[in-house]
């Protein structure tokens, strides 16, 4: 009875959010509603666990988009993206086994990140095209919304397998003399910064690749003065704390951790590192970020703990933020 009540509640929530989305005009509001719709649809499909039933139910739930006075392309793209995502979540939920994480769980998490990004991008085309790179406040919103979304995906994967507690205890246990893990993490974070900087310069100098960065701190001078400090604090919290935590659980703990016993260390390091680079959806930085991911994979393999890789990831992100901010001082 509780499952049926949860399904009905999430289905109604999806319908309401879809209707609000179809009649909204502000890019920021559209992004928030699209993210809310994706979460509701994903949760509904997760509980339902039947791909075809999920597809039909989601189509009816988002009928407000089909009937709204928006462009025909928008009427098709956004509902179909939600349907595809819902079917994937339902299929994964149906095949997930409690107490055991498999490589497909890591690949699933990666695909979900891509699907949510696609849905947000398609949503911004409703009414008029808006790009993140041309709208600072929209870019900030995207960076603030992404880490919580990553955390939700991670919690969905671990929760479906009933492994939140065991996973955290195994990967974040503080052993006696564990301060060496902190030292390894800090050293790795600095090494990652030097390696990625070297590779970026190689790309520029040898391959003549123009590096495109969507780091919001590159545009820090455009922040509204009276809100600048608060926005910077939120961005640092998202980029330096939440994102490393969620991404290390997904790409190291879940994906790489399930790959290396099956594929062997070498292939697991390369594949998981490459997927980590692809997840950032910036082809000009694919090689540097993939190499950083491979280094993090090796640190996790050597220490059997997510503490040093999370600290390394956070240190790397913090240094990137500091460099971007200092460039405008």
Protein backbone atom coordinates (compact mmCIF):
# COMPACT_ATOMS: atom_id res chain seq x y z
CA UNK A 1 0.00 0.00 0.00
CA UNK A 2 2.86 2.39 0.82
CA UNK A 3 4.48 1.71 -2.58
CA UNK A 4 1.24 2.49 -4.41
CA UNK A 5 0.85 5.72 -2.43
CA UNK A 6 4.45 6.70 -3.22
CA UNK A 7 3.96 5.92 -6.92
CA UNK A 8 0.78 7.98 -7.10
CA UNK A 9 2.36 10.90 -5.24
CA UNK A 10 5.42 10.92 -7.51
CA UNK A 11 3.27 10.57 -10.64
CA UNK A 12 1.13 13.56 -9.60
CA UNK A 13 4.26 15.55 -8.71
CA UNK A 14 5.70 14.80 -12.16
CA UNK A 15 2.50 16.00 -13.83
CA UNK A 16 2.44 19.25 -11.83
CA UNK A 17 6.12 19.97 -12.51
CA UNK A 18 5.68 19.24 -16.23
CA UNK A 19 2.75 21.64 -16.43
CA UNK A 20 4.66 24.38 -14.59
CA UNK A 21 7.65 23.79 -16.84
CA UNK A 22 5.53 24.18 -19.98
CA UNK A 23 4.31 27.62 -18.87
CA UNK A 24 7.54 29.04 -17.41
CA UNK A 25 9.75 31.57 -19.17
CA UNK A 26 12.65 32.33 -16.80
CA UNK A 27 15.73 30.19 -17.59
CA UNK A 28 16.58 29.73 -13.91
CA UNK A 29 13.04 28.62 -13.05
CA UNK A 30 12.98 26.31 -16.06
CA UNK A 31 16.22 24.66 -14.95
CA UNK A 32 14.98 24.12 -11.39
CA UNK A 33 11.64 22.71 -12.60
CA UNK A 34 13.35 20.42 -15.12
CA UNK A 35 15.64 19.07 -12.41
CA UNK A 36 12.66 18.55 -10.10
CA UNK A 37 10.77 16.76 -12.86
CA UNK A 38 13.76 14.49 -13.53
CA UNK A 39 14.03 13.59 -9.83
CA UNK A 40 10.30 12.86 -9.59
CA UNK A 41 10.32 10.77 -12.77
CA UNK A 42 13.43 8.89 -11.67
CA UNK A 43 12.00 8.13 -8.23
CA UNK A 44 8.72 6.98 -9.77
CA UNK A 45 10.52 4.65 -12.19
CA UNK A 46 12.79 3.37 -9.40
CA UNK A 47 9.82 2.26 -7.30
CA UNK A 48 7.83 0.95 -10.27
CA UNK A 49 10.65 -1.17 -11.68
CA UNK A 50 8.88 -1.93 -14.99
CA UNK A 51 10.28 -0.09 -18.04
CA UNK A 52 7.21 -0.27 -20.31
CA UNK A 53 4.78 0.67 -17.56
CA UNK A 54 7.10 3.49 -16.57
CA UNK A 55 7.23 4.78 -20.17
CA UNK A 56 3.44 4.88 -20.54
CA UNK A 57 2.91 6.43 -17.11
CA UNK A 58 5.56 9.10 -17.70
CA UNK A 59 4.06 9.98 -21.11
CA UNK A 60 0.72 10.65 -19.44
CA UNK A 61 2.37 12.55 -16.58
CA UNK A 62 4.17 14.96 -18.94
CA UNK A 63 1.16 15.44 -21.22
CA UNK A 64 1.16 19.10 -20.17
CA UNK A 65 4.29 19.52 -22.28
CA UNK A 66 2.69 17.83 -25.27
CA UNK A 67 -0.33 20.15 -25.13
CA UNK A 68 1.52 23.39 -24.35
CA UNK A 69 1.97 26.21 -26.89
CA UNK A 70 5.70 25.60 -27.40
CA UNK A 71 7.68 24.61 -30.47
CA UNK A 72 7.00 21.13 -31.86
CA UNK A 73 10.67 20.17 -31.36
CA UNK A 74 10.47 21.06 -27.67
CA UNK A 75 7.27 19.04 -27.29
CA UNK A 76 9.08 15.95 -28.51
CA UNK A 77 12.61 16.26 -27.11
CA UNK A 78 11.95 16.91 -23.44
CA UNK A 79 9.19 14.31 -22.90
CA UNK A 80 11.17 11.67 -24.82
CA UNK A 81 14.28 12.43 -22.77
CA UNK A 82 12.29 11.96 -19.55
CA UNK A 83 10.75 8.74 -20.87
CA UNK A 84 14.15 7.32 -21.84
CA UNK A 85 15.59 8.22 -18.45
CA UNK A 86 12.61 6.70 -16.65
CA UNK A 87 12.84 3.47 -18.61
CA UNK A 88 16.55 3.19 -17.85
CA UNK A 89 15.99 3.73 -14.13
CA UNK A 90 13.17 1.17 -14.10
CA UNK A 91 15.27 -1.42 -15.97
CA UNK A 92 18.23 -0.89 -13.66
CA UNK A 93 16.03 -1.07 -10.56
CA UNK A 94 14.50 -4.33 -11.75
CA UNK A 95 17.92 -5.97 -12.26
CA UNK A 96 19.80 -4.52 -9.28
CA UNK A 97 20.60 -7.08 -6.59
CA UNK A 98 20.66 -6.13 -2.94
CA UNK A 99 24.02 -6.41 -1.21
CA UNK A 100 26.15 -6.50 -4.36
CA UNK A 101 27.44 -3.67 -6.56
CA UNK A 102 28.29 -4.52 -10.18
CA UNK A 103 30.07 -2.54 -12.92
CA UNK A 104 26.73 -1.75 -14.55
CA UNK A 105 25.83 0.29 -11.46
CA UNK A 106 28.79 2.60 -12.13
CA UNK A 107 27.99 2.85 -15.83
CA UNK A 108 24.36 3.52 -14.91
CA UNK A 109 25.36 6.38 -12.62
CA UNK A 110 27.49 7.91 -15.39
CA UNK A 111 24.64 7.67 -17.92
CA UNK A 112 22.22 9.24 -15.42
CA UNK A 113 24.53 12.25 -15.05
CA UNK A 114 24.61 12.64 -18.83
CA UNK A 115 20.82 12.21 -19.12
CA UNK A 116 20.12 14.89 -16.51
CA UNK A 117 22.51 17.27 -18.29
CA UNK A 118 20.76 16.60 -21.60
CA UNK A 119 17.35 17.18 -20.02
CA UNK A 120 18.49 20.49 -18.51
CA UNK A 121 19.97 21.61 -21.84
CA UNK A 122 16.82 20.66 -23.76
CA UNK A 123 14.67 22.44 -21.16
CA UNK A 124 16.57 25.67 -21.72
CA UNK A 125 15.49 25.58 -25.36
CA UNK A 126 11.84 25.94 -24.44
CA UNK A 127 10.67 29.26 -25.83
CA UNK A 128 14.17 30.51 -26.69
CA UNK A 129 17.69 29.13 -26.74
CA UNK A 130 19.81 30.01 -23.72
CA UNK A 131 23.38 28.79 -23.31
CA UNK A 132 25.20 28.47 -20.00
CA UNK A 133 28.33 30.15 -21.28
CA UNK A 134 26.41 33.34 -22.13
CA UNK A 135 24.52 33.60 -18.84
CA UNK A 136 26.61 33.83 -15.66
CA UNK A 137 23.75 33.39 -13.20
CA UNK A 138 22.47 30.37 -15.10
CA UNK A 139 25.97 28.91 -15.08
CA UNK A 140 26.18 29.42 -11.32
CA UNK A 141 22.80 27.72 -10.90
CA UNK A 142 23.99 24.76 -12.96
CA UNK A 143 27.09 24.35 -10.82
CA UNK A 144 25.08 24.62 -7.61
CA UNK A 145 22.49 22.06 -8.77
CA UNK A 146 24.92 19.49 -10.18
CA UNK A 147 26.60 18.23 -6.94
CA UNK A 148 23.27 17.59 -5.14
CA UNK A 149 22.11 15.71 -8.24
CA UNK A 150 25.27 13.60 -8.15
CA UNK A 151 24.68 12.85 -4.47
CA UNK A 152 21.09 11.79 -5.18
CA UNK A 153 22.27 9.41 -7.91
CA UNK A 154 24.88 7.91 -5.58
CA UNK A 155 22.34 7.50 -2.78
CA UNK A 156 19.90 5.90 -5.24
CA UNK A 157 22.49 3.32 -6.30
CA UNK A 158 23.68 2.48 -2.79
CA UNK A 159 20.17 2.62 -1.34
CA UNK A 160 18.75 0.26 -3.98
CA UNK A 161 21.45 -2.24 -3.05
CA UNK A 162 20.87 -1.59 0.68
CA UNK A 163 24.55 -0.76 1.03
CA UNK A 164 24.74 2.85 2.21
CA UNK A 165 25.98 1.95 5.69
CA UNK A 166 28.33 -0.90 4.72
CA UNK A 167 29.80 1.09 1.80
CA UNK A 168 30.55 4.15 3.92
CA UNK A 169 32.02 2.07 6.76
CA UNK A 170 34.27 0.17 4.38
CA UNK A 171 35.53 3.17 2.42
CA UNK A 172 35.61 5.96 5.00
CA UNK A 173 36.77 4.14 8.12
CA UNK A 174 39.40 6.10 10.08
CA UNK A 175 42.16 3.71 11.04
CA UNK A 176 44.77 4.25 13.72
CA UNK A 177 47.49 6.47 12.30
CA UNK A 178 45.16 7.45 9.50
CA UNK A 179 46.66 10.90 9.11
CA UNK A 180 48.95 9.46 6.46
CA UNK A 181 45.84 9.11 4.27
CA UNK A 182 45.32 12.87 4.56
CA UNK A 183 48.93 13.46 3.57
CA UNK A 184 48.61 11.14 0.57
CA UNK A 185 45.44 12.96 -0.47
CA UNK A 186 46.99 16.42 -0.24
CA UNK A 187 50.13 15.34 -2.13
CA UNK A 188 48.04 13.69 -4.84
CA UNK A 189 45.86 16.78 -5.20
CA UNK A 190 48.90 18.98 -5.84
CA UNK A 191 50.37 16.39 -8.21
CA UNK A 192 47.08 16.30 -10.15
CA UNK A 193 47.18 20.08 -10.52
CA UNK A 194 50.72 20.02 -11.94
CA UNK A 195 49.98 17.10 -14.26
CA UNK A 196 46.78 18.59 -15.67
CA UNK A 197 48.45 22.00 -16.11
CA UNK A 198 51.31 20.33 -18.00
CA UNK A 199 48.90 18.39 -20.23
CA UNK A 200 46.80 21.50 -20.94
CA UNK A 201 49.95 23.38 -21.99
CA UNK A 202 50.92 20.43 -24.18
CA UNK A 203 47.51 20.53 -25.86
CA UNK A 204 47.84 24.24 -26.47
CA UNK A 205 51.44 24.21 -27.64
CA UNK A 206 51.68 21.01 -29.65
CA UNK A 207 48.14 20.14 -30.75
CA UNK A 208 47.05 23.82 -30.88
CA UNK A 209 43.81 22.99 -29.05
CA UNK A 210 41.83 25.93 -27.72
CA UNK A 211 40.87 25.08 -24.17
CA UNK A 212 37.28 25.93 -23.26
CA UNK A 213 36.53 26.28 -19.57
CA UNK A 214 33.05 26.69 -18.11
CA UNK A 215 34.43 27.20 -14.61
CA UNK A 216 32.12 29.89 -13.17
CA UNK A 217 35.02 31.45 -11.24
CA UNK A 218 36.58 32.39 -14.55
CA UNK A 219 33.74 34.90 -14.73
CA UNK A 220 34.00 35.93 -11.07
CA UNK A 221 34.26 39.61 -11.98
CA UNK A 222 30.69 39.44 -13.29
CA UNK A 223 29.12 38.48 -9.96
CA UNK A 224 26.70 40.95 -8.41
CA UNK A 225 28.82 42.79 -5.77
CA UNK A 226 26.37 42.61 -2.88
CA UNK A 227 25.86 38.87 -3.37
CA UNK A 228 29.41 37.98 -4.44
CA UNK A 229 30.71 36.64 -1.11
CA UNK A 230 27.65 34.48 -0.48
CA UNK A 231 27.67 33.09 -4.04
CA UNK A 232 31.40 32.35 -3.86
CA UNK A 233 30.85 30.50 -0.56
CA UNK A 234 28.07 28.37 -2.08
CA UNK A 235 30.16 27.63 -5.15
CA UNK A 236 33.18 26.59 -3.08
CA UNK A 237 30.92 24.36 -0.96
CA UNK A 238 29.53 22.71 -4.10
CA UNK A 239 32.80 22.38 -6.01
CA UNK A 240 35.24 21.63 -3.19
CA UNK A 241 33.07 19.56 -0.82
CA UNK A 242 29.96 18.09 -2.41
CA UNK A 243 31.25 17.31 -5.91
CA UNK A 244 34.43 15.45 -4.79
CA UNK A 245 32.45 13.45 -2.24
CA UNK A 246 29.76 12.35 -4.74
CA UNK A 247 32.13 11.78 -7.66
CA UNK A 248 34.61 9.74 -5.65
CA UNK A 249 31.85 7.46 -4.40
CA UNK A 250 30.51 7.01 -7.94
CA UNK A 251 33.65 6.81 -10.07
CA UNK A 252 36.08 5.30 -7.58
CA UNK A 253 34.01 3.39 -5.02
CA UNK A 254 31.24 2.11 -7.29
CA UNK A 255 32.62 2.07 -10.85
CA UNK A 256 36.34 1.40 -10.41
CA UNK A 257 35.78 -0.64 -7.25
CA UNK A 258 33.52 -3.07 -9.12
CA UNK A 259 35.58 -3.11 -12.33
CA UNK A 260 39.05 -4.08 -11.08
CA UNK A 261 38.11 -7.53 -9.65
CA UNK A 262 36.51 -8.42 -13.02
CA UNK A 263 38.52 -6.58 -15.69
CA UNK A 264 41.87 -6.42 -13.95
CA UNK A 265 43.71 -3.36 -12.64
CA UNK A 266 45.02 -1.90 -15.92
CA UNK A 267 41.74 -1.92 -17.82
CA UNK A 268 39.78 -0.77 -14.78
CA UNK A 269 42.12 2.20 -14.25
CA UNK A 270 41.93 3.25 -17.91
CA UNK A 271 38.18 2.76 -18.39
CA UNK A 272 37.08 4.32 -15.10
CA UNK A 273 39.51 7.23 -15.58
CA UNK A 274 38.27 7.89 -19.12
CA UNK A 275 34.65 7.82 -18.01
CA UNK A 276 35.52 10.27 -15.24
CA UNK A 277 36.93 12.60 -17.90
CA UNK A 278 33.90 12.16 -20.17
CA UNK A 279 31.53 12.91 -17.28
CA UNK A 280 32.76 16.52 -17.23
CA UNK A 281 31.52 16.93 -20.82
CA UNK A 282 34.41 19.06 -22.00
CA UNK A 283 36.31 17.43 -24.86
CA UNK A 284 39.10 20.02 -24.70
CA UNK A 285 39.90 18.82 -21.15
CA UNK A 286 39.16 15.13 -21.70
CA UNK A 287 42.78 13.91 -21.67
CA UNK A 288 43.92 15.93 -18.60
CA UNK A 289 40.82 14.99 -16.59
CA UNK A 290 41.00 11.34 -17.67
CA UNK A 291 44.63 11.20 -16.50
CA UNK A 292 43.60 12.79 -13.19
CA UNK A 293 40.90 10.13 -12.86
CA UNK A 294 43.42 7.36 -13.51
CA UNK A 295 45.71 8.72 -10.80
CA UNK A 296 42.78 8.81 -8.35
CA UNK A 297 41.92 5.23 -9.28
CA UNK A 298 45.46 4.10 -8.40
CA UNK A 299 45.36 5.96 -5.08
CA UNK A 300 42.11 4.23 -4.19
CA UNK A 301 43.51 0.86 -5.24
CA UNK A 302 46.66 1.30 -3.14
CA UNK A 303 44.93 2.59 0.00
CA UNK A 304 41.56 0.77 -0.24
CA UNK A 305 40.04 3.97 1.12
CA UNK A 306 38.10 6.85 -0.41
CA UNK A 307 39.53 9.29 2.13
CA UNK A 308 42.76 10.13 0.23
CA UNK A 309 41.11 10.24 -3.21
CA UNK A 310 38.34 12.50 -1.90
CA UNK A 311 40.87 14.84 -0.27
CA UNK A 312 42.96 14.82 -3.48
CA UNK A 313 39.90 15.63 -5.59
CA UNK A 314 38.87 18.42 -3.21
CA UNK A 315 42.42 19.85 -3.16
CA UNK A 316 42.57 19.78 -6.96
CA UNK A 317 39.21 21.60 -7.23
CA UNK A 318 40.20 24.12 -4.57
CA UNK A 319 43.44 24.97 -6.36
CA UNK A 320 41.47 25.45 -9.60
CA UNK A 321 39.09 27.82 -7.81
CA UNK A 322 41.93 29.80 -6.19
CA UNK A 323 43.77 30.17 -9.52
CA UNK A 324 40.61 31.29 -11.31
CA UNK A 325 39.80 33.86 -8.61
CA UNK A 326 43.37 35.17 -8.39
CA UNK A 327 43.41 35.78 -12.15
CA UNK A 328 40.99 38.67 -11.66
CA UNK A 329 42.64 40.31 -8.66
